[in-house]
Amino acid sequence: MADPYAMRMKMLVKPVLCACLAALSPVGSADARALHEGQDSNQEAASQRRLKGQNLPVREIERRVVPRMPGAQYLGFDYDPSTDIYTLKFLRNGSVIWVDADGRTGNIIRRTGN
């Protein structure tokens, strides 16, 4: 009769080996690198437009939008270079509120949430 411990070990060899190879795959690190580079390119695009005078600095947009959200905690922003829209995120009474502002004018375009 075969040793049950040895049988279990043999059954685990292939799955463990596959998991190790998948973890070492360059595809995962390439995806992470692409995501990071995408964030860098968004910041670079915003910076270039601001330097050319096409966009307002994010601090100016915050100065215009944050006071219009009384009682809400400002959490930060995201920038979409394809639309020149800054999305500012707020928290009020446990609800998340997103405010989209035009990067060129600072005007509020849309507000989502309570």
PDB file of N, CA and C in Angstrom:
ATOM      1  N   MET A   1       0.850  -1.180   0.000  1.00  0.00           N
ATOM      2  CA  MET A   1       0.000   0.000   0.000  1.00  0.00           C
ATOM      3  C   MET A   1       0.891   1.236   0.000  1.00  0.00           C
ATOM      4  N   ALA A   2       0.538   2.198  -0.838  1.00  0.00           N
ATOM      5  CA  ALA A   2       1.347   3.409  -0.984  1.00  0.00           C
ATOM      6  C   ALA A   2       1.139   4.338   0.206  1.00  0.00           C
ATOM      7  N   ASP A   3       2.160   5.098   0.499  1.00  0.00           N
ATOM      8  CA  ASP A   3       2.112   6.063   1.604  1.00  0.00           C
ATOM      9  C   ASP A   3       1.155   7.200   1.233  1.00  0.00           C
ATOM     10  N   PRO A   4       0.085   7.470   2.030  1.00  0.00           N
ATOM     11  CA  PRO A   4      -0.875   8.529   1.690  1.00  0.00           C
ATOM     12  C   PRO A   4      -0.225   9.915   1.644  1.00  0.00           C
ATOM     13  N   TYR A   5       0.777  10.141   2.465  1.00  0.00           N
ATOM     14  CA  TYR A   5       1.471  11.436   2.457  1.00  0.00           C
ATOM     15  C   TYR A   5       2.184  11.659   1.124  1.00  0.00           C
ATOM     16  N   ALA A   6       2.848  10.641   0.624  1.00  0.00           N
ATOM     17  CA  ALA A   6       3.554  10.733  -0.658  1.00  0.00           C
ATOM     18  C   ALA A   6       2.574  10.960  -1.793  1.00  0.00           C
ATOM     19  N   MET A   7       1.412  10.324  -1.724  1.00  0.00           N
ATOM     20  CA  MET A   7       0.396  10.499  -2.767  1.00  0.00           C
ATOM     21  C   MET A   7      -0.089  11.955  -2.799  1.00  0.00           C
ATOM     22  N   ARG A   8      -0.333  12.527  -1.625  1.00  0.00           N
ATOM     23  CA  ARG A   8      -0.793  13.916  -1.568  1.00  0.00           C
ATOM     24  C   ARG A   8       0.268  14.860  -2.107  1.00  0.00           C
ATOM     25  N   MET A   9       1.508  14.595  -1.784  1.00  0.00           N
ATOM     26  CA  MET A   9       2.604  15.445  -2.265  1.00  0.00           C
ATOM     27  C   MET A   9       2.699  15.399  -3.783  1.00  0.00           C
ATOM     28  N   LYS A  10       2.553  14.207  -4.367  1.00  0.00           N
ATOM     29  CA  LYS A  10       2.610  14.077  -5.826  1.00  0.00           C
ATOM     30  C   LYS A  10       1.460  14.849  -6.472  1.00  0.00           C
ATOM     31  N   MET A  11       0.291  14.840  -5.831  1.00  0.00           N
ATOM     32  CA  MET A  11      -0.866  15.539  -6.382  1.00  0.00           C
ATOM     33  C   MET A  11      -0.682  17.057  -6.325  1.00  0.00           C
ATOM     34  N   LEU A  12       0.118  17.540  -5.404  1.00  0.00           N
ATOM     35  CA  LEU A  12       0.308  18.981  -5.246  1.00  0.00           C
ATOM     36  C   LEU A  12       1.428  19.546  -6.108  1.00  0.00           C
ATOM     37  N   VAL A  13       2.293  18.706  -6.626  1.00  0.00           N
ATOM     38  CA  VAL A  13       3.466  19.192  -7.355  1.00  0.00           C
ATOM     39  C   VAL A  13       3.066  20.050  -8.547  1.00  0.00           C
ATOM     40  N   LYS A  14       2.189  19.565  -9.412  1.00  0.00           N
ATOM     41  CA  LYS A  14       1.830  20.317 -10.624  1.00  0.00           C
ATOM     42  C   LYS A  14       1.133  21.646 -10.299  1.00  0.00           C
ATOM     43  N   PRO A  15       0.105  21.664  -9.428  1.00  0.00           N
ATOM     44  CA  PRO A  15      -0.538  22.953  -9.140  1.00  0.00           C
ATOM     45  C   PRO A  15       0.409  23.975  -8.520  1.00  0.00           C
ATOM     46  N   VAL A  16       1.270  23.522  -7.617  1.00  0.00           N
ATOM     47  CA  VAL A  16       2.206  24.443  -6.977  1.00  0.00           C
ATOM     48  C   VAL A  16       3.207  24.969  -7.992  1.00  0.00           C
ATOM     49  N   LEU A  17       3.703  24.085  -8.853  1.00  0.00           N
ATOM     50  CA  LEU A  17       4.644  24.504  -9.890  1.00  0.00           C
ATOM     51  C   LEU A  17       3.998  25.520 -10.835  1.00  0.00           C
ATOM     52  N   CYS A  18       2.763  25.263 -11.242  1.00  0.00           N
ATOM     53  CA  CYS A  18       2.057  26.202 -12.128  1.00  0.00           C
ATOM     54  C   CYS A  18       1.854  27.556 -11.448  1.00  0.00           C
ATOM     55  N   ALA A  19       1.503  27.540 -10.181  1.00  0.00           N
ATOM     56  CA  ALA A  19       1.303  28.794  -9.453  1.00  0.00           C
ATOM     57  C   ALA A  19       2.601  29.587  -9.359  1.00  0.00           C
ATOM     58  N   CYS A  20       3.705  28.885  -9.117  1.00  0.00           N
ATOM     59  CA  CYS A  20       5.004  29.569  -9.034  1.00  0.00           C
ATOM     60  C   CYS A  20       5.394  30.180 -10.371  1.00  0.00           C
ATOM     61  N   LEU A  21       5.185  29.432 -11.445  1.00  0.00           N
ATOM     62  CA  LEU A  21       5.521  29.951 -12.775  1.00  0.00           C
ATOM     63  C   LEU A  21       4.644  31.147 -13.138  1.00  0.00           C
ATOM     64  N   ALA A  22       3.374  31.087 -12.783  1.00  0.00           N
ATOM     65  CA  ALA A  22       2.475  32.208 -13.070  1.00  0.00           C
ATOM     66  C   ALA A  22       2.897  33.452 -12.300  1.00  0.00           C
ATOM     67  N   ALA A  23       3.335  33.264 -11.071  1.00  0.00           N
ATOM     68  CA  ALA A  23       3.762  34.405 -10.256  1.00  0.00           C
ATOM     69  C   ALA A  23       5.016  35.055 -10.815  1.00  0.00           C
ATOM     70  N   LEU A  24       5.861  34.266 -11.435  1.00  0.00           N
ATOM     71  CA  LEU A  24       7.107  34.794 -11.986  1.00  0.00           C
ATOM     72  C   LEU A  24       6.959  35.310 -13.412  1.00  0.00           C
ATOM     73  N   SER A  25       5.788  35.159 -13.985  1.00  0.00           N
ATOM     74  CA  SER A  25       5.550  35.565 -15.368  1.00  0.00           C
ATOM     75  C   SER A  25       5.760  37.064 -15.542  1.00  0.00           C
ATOM     76  N   PRO A  26       6.428  37.486 -16.623  1.00  0.00           N
ATOM     77  CA  PRO A  26       6.627  38.921 -16.859  1.00  0.00           C
ATOM     78  C   PRO A  26       5.348  39.644 -17.244  1.00  0.00           C
ATOM     79  N   VAL A  27       4.290  38.917 -17.596  1.00  0.00           N
ATOM     80  CA  VAL A  27       3.036  39.560 -17.992  1.00  0.00           C
ATOM     81  C   VAL A  27       2.451  40.357 -16.840  1.00  0.00           C
ATOM     82  N   GLY A  28       2.436  39.804 -15.637  1.00  0.00           N
ATOM     83  CA  GLY A  28       1.886  40.514 -14.483  1.00  0.00           C
ATOM     84  C   GLY A  28       2.632  41.796 -14.200  1.00  0.00           C
ATOM     85  N   SER A  29       3.954  41.747 -14.248  1.00  0.00           N
ATOM     86  CA  SER A  29       4.730  42.951 -13.980  1.00  0.00           C
ATOM     87  C   SER A  29       4.583  43.955 -15.113  1.00  0.00           C
ATOM     88  N   ALA A  30       4.398  43.470 -16.341  1.00  0.00           N
ATOM     89  CA  ALA A  30       4.191  44.384 -17.467  1.00  0.00           C
ATOM     90  C   ALA A  30       2.865  45.121 -17.316  1.00  0.00           C
ATOM     91  N   ASP A  31       1.828  44.407 -16.852  1.00  0.00           N
ATOM     92  CA  ASP A  31       0.537  45.055 -16.633  1.00  0.00           C
ATOM     93  C   ASP A  31       0.644  46.126 -15.556  1.00  0.00           C
ATOM     94  N   ALA A  32       1.341  45.827 -14.479  1.00  0.00           N
ATOM     95  CA  ALA A  32       1.521  46.802 -13.403  1.00  0.00           C
ATOM     96  C   ALA A  32       2.311  48.001 -13.903  1.00  0.00           C
ATOM     97  N   ARG A  33       3.335  47.742 -14.701  1.00  0.00           N
ATOM     98  CA  ARG A  33       4.140  48.826 -15.253  1.00  0.00           C
ATOM     99  C   ARG A  33       3.295  49.702 -16.179  1.00  0.00           C
ATOM    100  N   ALA A  34       2.457  49.083 -17.010  1.00  0.00           N
ATOM    101  CA  ALA A  34       1.604  49.841 -17.930  1.00  0.00           C
ATOM    102  C   ALA A  34       0.611  50.703 -17.162  1.00  0.00           C
ATOM    103  N   LEU A  35       0.056  50.160 -16.077  1.00  0.00           N
ATOM    104  CA  LEU A  35      -0.872  50.937 -15.261  1.00  0.00           C
ATOM    105  C   LEU A  35      -0.170  52.141 -14.660  1.00  0.00           C
ATOM    106  N   HIS A  36       1.029  51.928 -14.118  1.00  0.00           N
ATOM    107  CA  HIS A  36       1.791  53.023 -13.521  1.00  0.00           C
ATOM    108  C   HIS A  36       2.159  54.057 -14.585  1.00  0.00           C
ATOM    109  N   GLU A  37       2.574  53.598 -15.763  1.00  0.00           N
ATOM    110  CA  GLU A  37       2.926  54.529 -16.836  1.00  0.00           C
ATOM    111  C   GLU A  37       1.705  55.304 -17.301  1.00  0.00           C
ATOM    112  N   GLY A  38       0.532  54.665 -17.286  1.00  0.00           N
ATOM    113  CA  GLY A  38      -0.695  55.356 -17.653  1.00  0.00           C
ATOM    114  C   GLY A  38      -1.004  56.489 -16.696  1.00  0.00           C
ATOM    115  N   GLN A  39      -0.787  56.256 -15.404  1.00  0.00           N
ATOM    116  CA  GLN A  39      -1.002  57.307 -14.416  1.00  0.00           C
ATOM    117  C   GLN A  39       0.003  58.430 -14.617  1.00  0.00           C
ATOM    118  N   ASP A  40       1.250  58.058 -14.889  1.00  0.00           N
ATOM    119  CA  ASP A  40       2.275  59.071 -15.136  1.00  0.00           C
ATOM    120  C   ASP A  40       1.936  59.897 -16.364  1.00  0.00           C
ATOM    121  N   SER A  41       1.429  59.251 -17.424  1.00  0.00           N
ATOM    122  CA  SER A  41       1.117  59.996 -18.641  1.00  0.00           C
ATOM    123  C   SER A  41      -0.063  60.934 -18.413  1.00  0.00           C
ATOM    124  N   ASN A  42      -1.034  60.547 -17.567  1.00  0.00           N
ATOM    125  CA  ASN A  42      -2.138  61.448 -17.230  1.00  0.00           C
ATOM    126  C   ASN A  42      -1.618  62.685 -16.520  1.00  0.00           C
ATOM    127  N   GLN A  43      -0.726  62.482 -15.569  1.00  0.00           N
ATOM    128  CA  GLN A  43      -0.154  63.612 -14.842  1.00  0.00           C
ATOM    129  C   GLN A  43       0.679  64.475 -15.778  1.00  0.00           C
ATOM    130  N   GLU A  44       1.420  63.841 -16.661  1.00  0.00           N
ATOM    131  CA  GLU A  44       2.245  64.582 -17.615  1.00  0.00           C
ATOM    132  C   GLU A  44       1.367  65.405 -18.556  1.00  0.00           C
ATOM    133  N   ALA A  45       0.266  64.809 -19.035  1.00  0.00           N
ATOM    134  CA  ALA A  45      -0.643  65.527 -19.928  1.00  0.00           C
ATOM    135  C   ALA A  45      -1.245  66.737 -19.224  1.00  0.00           C
ATOM    136  N   ALA A  46      -1.656  66.559 -17.973  1.00  0.00           N
ATOM    137  CA  ALA A  46      -2.225  67.676 -17.212  1.00  0.00           C
ATOM    138  C   ALA A  46      -1.190  68.767 -17.021  1.00  0.00           C
ATOM    139  N   SER A  47       0.021  68.379 -16.714  1.00  0.00           N
ATOM    140  CA  SER A  47       1.097  69.347 -16.497  1.00  0.00           C
ATOM    141  C   SER A  47       1.407  70.116 -17.777  1.00  0.00           C
ATOM    142  N   GLN A  48       1.478  69.412 -18.898  1.00  0.00           N
ATOM    143  CA  GLN A  48       1.768  70.072 -20.176  1.00  0.00           C
ATOM    144  C   GLN A  48       0.673  71.073 -20.540  1.00  0.00           C
ATOM    145  N   ARG A  49      -0.584  70.692 -20.356  1.00  0.00           N
ATOM    146  CA  ARG A  49      -1.684  71.607 -20.681  1.00  0.00           C
ATOM    147  C   ARG A  49      -1.673  72.821 -19.756  1.00  0.00           C
ATOM    148  N   ARG A  50      -1.330  72.594 -18.496  1.00  0.00           N
ATOM    149  CA  ARG A  50      -1.274  73.710 -17.550  1.00  0.00           C
ATOM    150  C   ARG A  50      -0.152  74.664 -17.929  1.00  0.00           C
ATOM    151  N   LEU A  51       1.012  74.119 -18.284  1.00  0.00           N
ATOM    152  CA  LEU A  51       2.147  74.968 -18.659  1.00  0.00           C
ATOM    153  C   LEU A  51       1.861  75.771 -19.924  1.00  0.00           C
ATOM    154  N   LYS A  52       1.069  75.212 -20.818  1.00  0.00           N
ATOM    155  CA  LYS A  52       0.706  75.919 -22.051  1.00  0.00           C
ATOM    156  C   LYS A  52      -0.440  76.904 -21.829  1.00  0.00           C
ATOM    157  N   GLY A  53      -0.967  76.935 -20.608  1.00  0.00           N
ATOM    158  CA  GLY A  53      -2.070  77.845 -20.312  1.00  0.00           C
ATOM    159  C   GLY A  53      -3.413  77.320 -20.764  1.00  0.00           C
ATOM    160  N   GLN A  54      -3.484  76.042 -21.131  1.00  0.00           N
ATOM    161  CA  GLN A  54      -4.745  75.470 -21.596  1.00  0.00           C
ATOM    162  C   GLN A  54      -5.621  74.993 -20.441  1.00  0.00           C
ATOM    163  N   ASN A  55      -5.009  74.598 -19.345  1.00  0.00           N
ATOM    164  CA  ASN A  55      -5.744  74.112 -18.174  1.00  0.00           C
ATOM    165  C   ASN A  55      -5.380  74.929 -16.950  1.00  0.00           C
ATOM    166  N   LEU A  56      -6.337  75.014 -16.041  1.00  0.00           N
ATOM    167  CA  LEU A  56      -6.066  75.634 -14.751  1.00  0.00           C
ATOM    168  C   LEU A  56      -5.284  74.648 -13.888  1.00  0.00           C
ATOM    169  N   PRO A  57      -4.461  75.140 -12.986  1.00  0.00           N
ATOM    170  CA  PRO A  57      -3.804  74.234 -12.038  1.00  0.00           C
ATOM    171  C   PRO A  57      -4.860  73.557 -11.160  1.00  0.00           C
ATOM    172  N   VAL A  58      -4.596  72.342 -10.754  1.00  0.00           N
ATOM    173  CA  VAL A  58      -5.566  71.605  -9.942  1.00  0.00           C
ATOM    174  C   VAL A  58      -5.869  72.346  -8.644  1.00  0.00           C
ATOM    175  N   ARG A  59      -4.907  73.047  -8.087  1.00  0.00           N
ATOM    176  CA  ARG A  59      -5.156  73.795  -6.841  1.00  0.00           C
ATOM    177  C   ARG A  59      -6.184  74.900  -7.068  1.00  0.00           C
ATOM    178  N   GLU A  60      -6.188  75.500  -8.249  1.00  0.00           N
ATOM    179  CA  GLU A  60      -7.187  76.529  -8.575  1.00  0.00           C
ATOM    180  C   GLU A  60      -8.569  75.899  -8.709  1.00  0.00           C
ATOM    181  N   ILE A  61      -8.632  74.744  -9.335  1.00  0.00           N
ATOM    182  CA  ILE A  61      -9.913  74.047  -9.463  1.00  0.00           C
ATOM    183  C   ILE A  61     -10.427  73.653  -8.080  1.00  0.00           C
ATOM    184  N   GLU A  62      -9.538  73.152  -7.232  1.00  0.00           N
ATOM    185  CA  GLU A  62      -9.934  72.816  -5.858  1.00  0.00           C
ATOM    186  C   GLU A  62     -10.424  74.059  -5.119  1.00  0.00           C
ATOM    187  N   ARG A  63      -9.742  75.186  -5.315  1.00  0.00           N
ATOM    188  CA  ARG A  63     -10.133  76.435  -4.646  1.00  0.00           C
ATOM    189  C   ARG A  63     -11.547  76.853  -5.042  1.00  0.00           C
ATOM    190  N   ARG A  64     -11.938  76.554  -6.270  1.00  0.00           N
ATOM    191  CA  ARG A  64     -13.269  76.923  -6.748  1.00  0.00           C
ATOM    192  C   ARG A  64     -14.347  75.923  -6.341  1.00  0.00           C
ATOM    193  N   VAL A  65     -14.002  74.639  -6.315  1.00  0.00           N
ATOM    194  CA  VAL A  65     -15.016  73.602  -6.105  1.00  0.00           C
ATOM    195  C   VAL A  65     -15.223  73.254  -4.631  1.00  0.00           C
ATOM    196  N   VAL A  66     -14.154  73.098  -3.872  1.00  0.00           N
ATOM    197  CA  VAL A  66     -14.263  72.628  -2.482  1.00  0.00           C
ATOM    198  C   VAL A  66     -15.201  73.496  -1.644  1.00  0.00           C
ATOM    199  N   PRO A  67     -15.150  74.835  -1.726  1.00  0.00           N
ATOM    200  CA  PRO A  67     -16.080  75.649  -0.925  1.00  0.00           C
ATOM    201  C   PRO A  67     -17.553  75.436  -1.288  1.00  0.00           C
ATOM    202  N   ARG A  68     -17.812  74.904  -2.462  1.00  0.00           N
ATOM    203  CA  ARG A  68     -19.196  74.668  -2.880  1.00  0.00           C
ATOM    204  C   ARG A  68     -19.737  73.334  -2.364  1.00  0.00           C
ATOM    205  N   MET A  69     -18.938  72.657  -1.531  1.00  0.00           N
ATOM    206  CA  MET A  69     -19.344  71.367  -0.964  1.00  0.00           C
ATOM    207  C   MET A  69     -19.311  71.443   0.565  1.00  0.00           C
ATOM    208  N   PRO A  70     -20.154  72.296   1.175  1.00  0.00           N
ATOM    209  CA  PRO A  70     -20.118  72.452   2.633  1.00  0.00           C
ATOM    210  C   PRO A  70     -20.480  71.150   3.348  1.00  0.00           C
ATOM    211  N   GLY A  71     -19.761  70.890   4.428  1.00  0.00           N
ATOM    212  CA  GLY A  71     -20.019  69.698   5.224  1.00  0.00           C
ATOM    213  C   GLY A  71     -19.448  68.418   4.647  1.00  0.00           C
ATOM    214  N   ALA A  72     -18.767  68.513   3.518  1.00  0.00           N
ATOM    215  CA  ALA A  72     -18.187  67.325   2.887  1.00  0.00           C
ATOM    216  C   ALA A  72     -16.673  67.333   3.074  1.00  0.00           C
ATOM    217  N   GLN A  73     -16.120  66.161   3.267  1.00  0.00           N
ATOM    218  CA  GLN A  73     -14.668  66.009   3.398  1.00  0.00           C
ATOM    219  C   GLN A  73     -14.087  65.761   2.010  1.00  0.00           C
ATOM    220  N   TYR A  74     -13.125  66.583   1.609  1.00  0.00           N
ATOM    221  CA  TYR A  74     -12.475  66.430   0.309  1.00  0.00           C
ATOM    222  C   TYR A  74     -11.459  65.301   0.392  1.00  0.00           C
ATOM    223  N   LEU A  75     -11.547  64.334  -0.534  1.00  0.00           N
ATOM    224  CA  LEU A  75     -10.681  63.162  -0.508  1.00  0.00           C
ATOM    225  C   LEU A  75      -9.569  63.200  -1.550  1.00  0.00           C
ATOM    226  N   GLY A  76      -9.760  63.954  -2.639  1.00  0.00           N
ATOM    227  CA  GLY A  76      -8.735  64.006  -3.678  1.00  0.00           C
ATOM    228  C   GLY A  76      -9.368  64.114  -5.054  1.00  0.00           C
ATOM    229  N   PHE A  77      -8.527  63.972  -6.086  1.00  0.00           N
ATOM    230  CA  PHE A  77      -9.015  64.160  -7.447  1.00  0.00           C
ATOM    231  C   PHE A  77      -8.397  63.141  -8.392  1.00  0.00           C
ATOM    232  N   ASP A  78      -9.009  63.048  -9.567  1.00  0.00           N
ATOM    233  CA  ASP A  78      -8.482  62.258 -10.672  1.00  0.00           C
ATOM    234  C   ASP A  78      -8.606  63.131 -11.910  1.00  0.00           C
ATOM    235  N   TYR A  79      -7.747  62.902 -12.895  1.00  0.00           N
ATOM    236  CA  TYR A  79      -7.754  63.717 -14.109  1.00  0.00           C
ATOM    237  C   TYR A  79      -7.861  62.819 -15.325  1.00  0.00           C
ATOM    238  N   ASP A  80      -8.727  63.180 -16.263  1.00  0.00           N
ATOM    239  CA  ASP A  80      -8.874  62.451 -17.524  1.00  0.00           C
ATOM    240  C   ASP A  80      -8.372  63.347 -18.650  1.00  0.00           C
ATOM    241  N   PRO A  81      -7.178  63.062 -19.196  1.00  0.00           N
ATOM    242  CA  PRO A  81      -6.613  63.938 -20.220  1.00  0.00           C
ATOM    243  C   PRO A  81      -7.386  63.912 -21.536  1.00  0.00           C
ATOM    244  N   SER A  82      -8.143  62.858 -21.785  1.00  0.00           N
ATOM    245  CA  SER A  82      -8.886  62.796 -23.045  1.00  0.00           C
ATOM    246  C   SER A  82     -10.063  63.764 -23.060  1.00  0.00           C
ATOM    247  N   THR A  83     -10.560  64.139 -21.873  1.00  0.00           N
ATOM    248  CA  THR A  83     -11.694  65.063 -21.797  1.00  0.00           C
ATOM    249  C   THR A  83     -11.355  66.362 -21.083  1.00  0.00           C
ATOM    250  N   ASP A  84     -10.152  66.455 -20.500  1.00  0.00           N
ATOM    251  CA  ASP A  84      -9.747  67.610 -19.687  1.00  0.00           C
ATOM    252  C   ASP A  84     -10.687  67.824 -18.506  1.00  0.00           C
ATOM    253  N   ILE A  85     -11.138  66.732 -17.909  1.00  0.00           N
ATOM    254  CA  ILE A  85     -12.048  66.816 -16.770  1.00  0.00           C
ATOM    255  C   ILE A  85     -11.352  66.306 -15.513  1.00  0.00           C
ATOM    256  N   TYR A  86     -11.452  67.114 -14.460  1.00  0.00           N
ATOM    257  CA  TYR A  86     -10.992  66.706 -13.141  1.00  0.00           C
ATOM    258  C   TYR A  86     -12.210  66.186 -12.386  1.00  0.00           C
ATOM    259  N   THR A  87     -12.082  65.035 -11.750  1.00  0.00           N
ATOM    260  CA  THR A  87     -13.143  64.493 -10.914  1.00  0.00           C
ATOM    261  C   THR A  87     -12.682  64.593  -9.470  1.00  0.00           C
ATOM    262  N   LEU A  88     -13.353  65.431  -8.706  1.00  0.00           N
ATOM    263  CA  LEU A  88     -13.031  65.622  -7.295  1.00  0.00           C
ATOM    264  C   LEU A  88     -13.946  64.730  -6.468  1.00  0.00           C
ATOM    265  N   LYS A  89     -13.385  64.066  -5.470  1.00  0.00           N
ATOM    266  CA  LYS A  89     -14.130  63.102  -4.668  1.00  0.00           C
ATOM    267  C   LYS A  89     -14.307  63.637  -3.250  1.00  0.00           C
ATOM    268  N   PHE A  90     -15.548  63.550  -2.768  1.00  0.00           N
ATOM    269  CA  PHE A  90     -15.900  64.036  -1.437  1.00  0.00           C
ATOM    270  C   PHE A  90     -16.634  62.940  -0.663  1.00  0.00           C
ATOM    271  N   LEU A  91     -16.643  63.080   0.659  1.00  0.00           N
ATOM    272  CA  LEU A  91     -17.387  62.171   1.526  1.00  0.00           C
ATOM    273  C   LEU A  91     -18.236  63.012   2.473  1.00  0.00           C
ATOM    274  N   ARG A  92     -19.550  62.712   2.494  1.00  0.00           N
ATOM    275  CA  ARG A  92     -20.464  63.428   3.394  1.00  0.00           C
ATOM    276  C   ARG A  92     -21.470  62.426   3.958  1.00  0.00           C
ATOM    277  N   ASN A  93     -21.530  62.336   5.276  1.00  0.00           N
ATOM    278  CA  ASN A  93     -22.473  61.437   5.955  1.00  0.00           C
ATOM    279  C   ASN A  93     -22.391  60.006   5.429  1.00  0.00           C
ATOM    280  N   GLY A  94     -21.189  59.538   5.155  1.00  0.00           N
ATOM    281  CA  GLY A  94     -20.994  58.170   4.690  1.00  0.00           C
ATOM    282  C   GLY A  94     -21.253  57.950   3.217  1.00  0.00           C
ATOM    283  N   SER A  95     -21.624  58.996   2.489  1.00  0.00           N
ATOM    284  CA  SER A  95     -21.880  58.873   1.052  1.00  0.00           C
ATOM    285  C   SER A  95     -20.769  59.537   0.258  1.00  0.00           C
ATOM    286  N   VAL A  96     -20.388  58.902  -0.833  1.00  0.00           N
ATOM    287  CA  VAL A  96     -19.359  59.455  -1.712  1.00  0.00           C
ATOM    288  C   VAL A  96     -20.020  60.345  -2.755  1.00  0.00           C
ATOM    289  N   ILE A  97     -19.408  61.493  -2.996  1.00  0.00           N
ATOM    290  CA  ILE A  97     -19.900  62.450  -3.989  1.00  0.00           C
ATOM    291  C   ILE A  97     -18.759  62.734  -4.955  1.00  0.00           C
ATOM    292  N   TRP A  98     -19.040  62.631  -6.251  1.00  0.00           N
ATOM    293  CA  TRP A  98     -18.055  62.966  -7.276  1.00  0.00           C
ATOM    294  C   TRP A  98     -18.501  64.240  -7.970  1.00  0.00           C
ATOM    295  N   VAL A  99     -17.569  65.159  -8.129  1.00  0.00           N
ATOM    296  CA  VAL A  99     -17.851  66.415  -8.814  1.00  0.00           C
ATOM    297  C   VAL A  99     -16.885  66.524  -9.986  1.00  0.00           C
ATOM    298  N   ASP A 100     -17.434  66.611 -11.202  1.00  0.00           N
ATOM    299  CA  ASP A 100     -16.612  66.772 -12.398  1.00  0.00           C
ATOM    300  C   ASP A 100     -16.476  68.251 -12.710  1.00  0.00           C
ATOM    301  N   ALA A 101     -15.233  68.683 -12.922  1.00  0.00           N
ATOM    302  CA  ALA A 101     -14.960  70.087 -13.227  1.00  0.00           C
ATOM    303  C   ALA A 101     -14.155  70.175 -14.516  1.00  0.00           C
ATOM    304  N   ASP A 102     -14.487  71.152 -15.339  1.00  0.00           N
ATOM    305  CA  ASP A 102     -13.769  71.397 -16.590  1.00  0.00           C
ATOM    306  C   ASP A 102     -12.369  71.899 -16.263  1.00  0.00           C
ATOM    307  N   GLY A 103     -11.362  71.238 -16.794  1.00  0.00           N
ATOM    308  CA  GLY A 103      -9.978  71.610 -16.523  1.00  0.00           C
ATOM    309  C   GLY A 103      -9.586  72.950 -17.114  1.00  0.00           C
ATOM    310  N   ARG A 104     -10.301  73.407 -18.131  1.00  0.00           N
ATOM    311  CA  ARG A 104      -9.972  74.684 -18.778  1.00  0.00           C
ATOM    312  C   ARG A 104     -10.572  75.868 -18.036  1.00  0.00           C
ATOM    313  N   THR A 105     -11.802  75.685 -17.517  1.00  0.00           N
ATOM    314  CA  THR A 105     -12.511  76.810 -16.899  1.00  0.00           C
ATOM    315  C   THR A 105     -12.685  76.668 -15.390  1.00  0.00           C
ATOM    316  N   GLY A 106     -12.631  75.449 -14.892  1.00  0.00           N
ATOM    317  CA  GLY A 106     -12.895  75.211 -13.476  1.00  0.00           C
ATOM    318  C   GLY A 106     -14.374  75.105 -13.158  1.00  0.00           C
ATOM    319  N   ASN A 107     -15.234  75.239 -14.169  1.00  0.00           N
ATOM    320  CA  ASN A 107     -16.677  75.150 -13.953  1.00  0.00           C
ATOM    321  C   ASN A 107     -17.087  73.720 -13.628  1.00  0.00           C
ATOM    322  N   ILE A 108     -18.070  73.592 -12.732  1.00  0.00           N
ATOM    323  CA  ILE A 108     -18.609  72.278 -12.404  1.00  0.00           C
ATOM    324  C   ILE A 108     -19.498  71.825 -13.554  1.00  0.00           C
ATOM    325  N   ILE A 109     -19.219  70.632 -14.047  1.00  0.00           N
ATOM    326  CA  ILE A 109     -19.970  70.066 -15.167  1.00  0.00           C
ATOM    327  C   ILE A 109     -21.061  69.127 -14.666  1.00  0.00           C
ATOM    328  N   ARG A 110     -20.716  68.319 -13.657  1.00  0.00           N
ATOM    329  CA  ARG A 110     -21.619  67.274 -13.202  1.00  0.00           C
ATOM    330  C   ARG A 110     -21.315  66.953 -11.748  1.00  0.00           C
ATOM    331  N   ARG A 111     -22.365  66.543 -11.061  1.00  0.00           N
ATOM    332  CA  ARG A 111     -22.206  66.108  -9.666  1.00  0.00           C
ATOM    333  C   ARG A 111     -22.979  64.808  -9.502  1.00  0.00           C
ATOM    334  N   THR A 112     -22.322  63.788  -8.940  1.00  0.00           N
ATOM    335  CA  THR A 112     -22.940  62.483  -8.758  1.00  0.00           C
ATOM    336  C   THR A 112     -22.860  62.097  -7.290  1.00  0.00           C
ATOM    337  N   GLY A 113     -23.954  61.642  -6.726  1.00  0.00           N
ATOM    338  CA  GLY A 113     -23.990  61.233  -5.323  1.00  0.00           C
ATOM    339  C   GLY A 113     -24.771  62.225  -4.494  1.00  0.00           C
ATOM    340  N   ASN A 114     -24.877  61.927  -3.196  1.00  0.00           N
ATOM    341  CA  ASN A 114     -25.671  62.785  -2.295  1.00  0.00           C
ATOM    342  C   ASN A 114     -24.793  63.661  -1.466  1.00  0.00           C
TER     343      ASN A 114
END
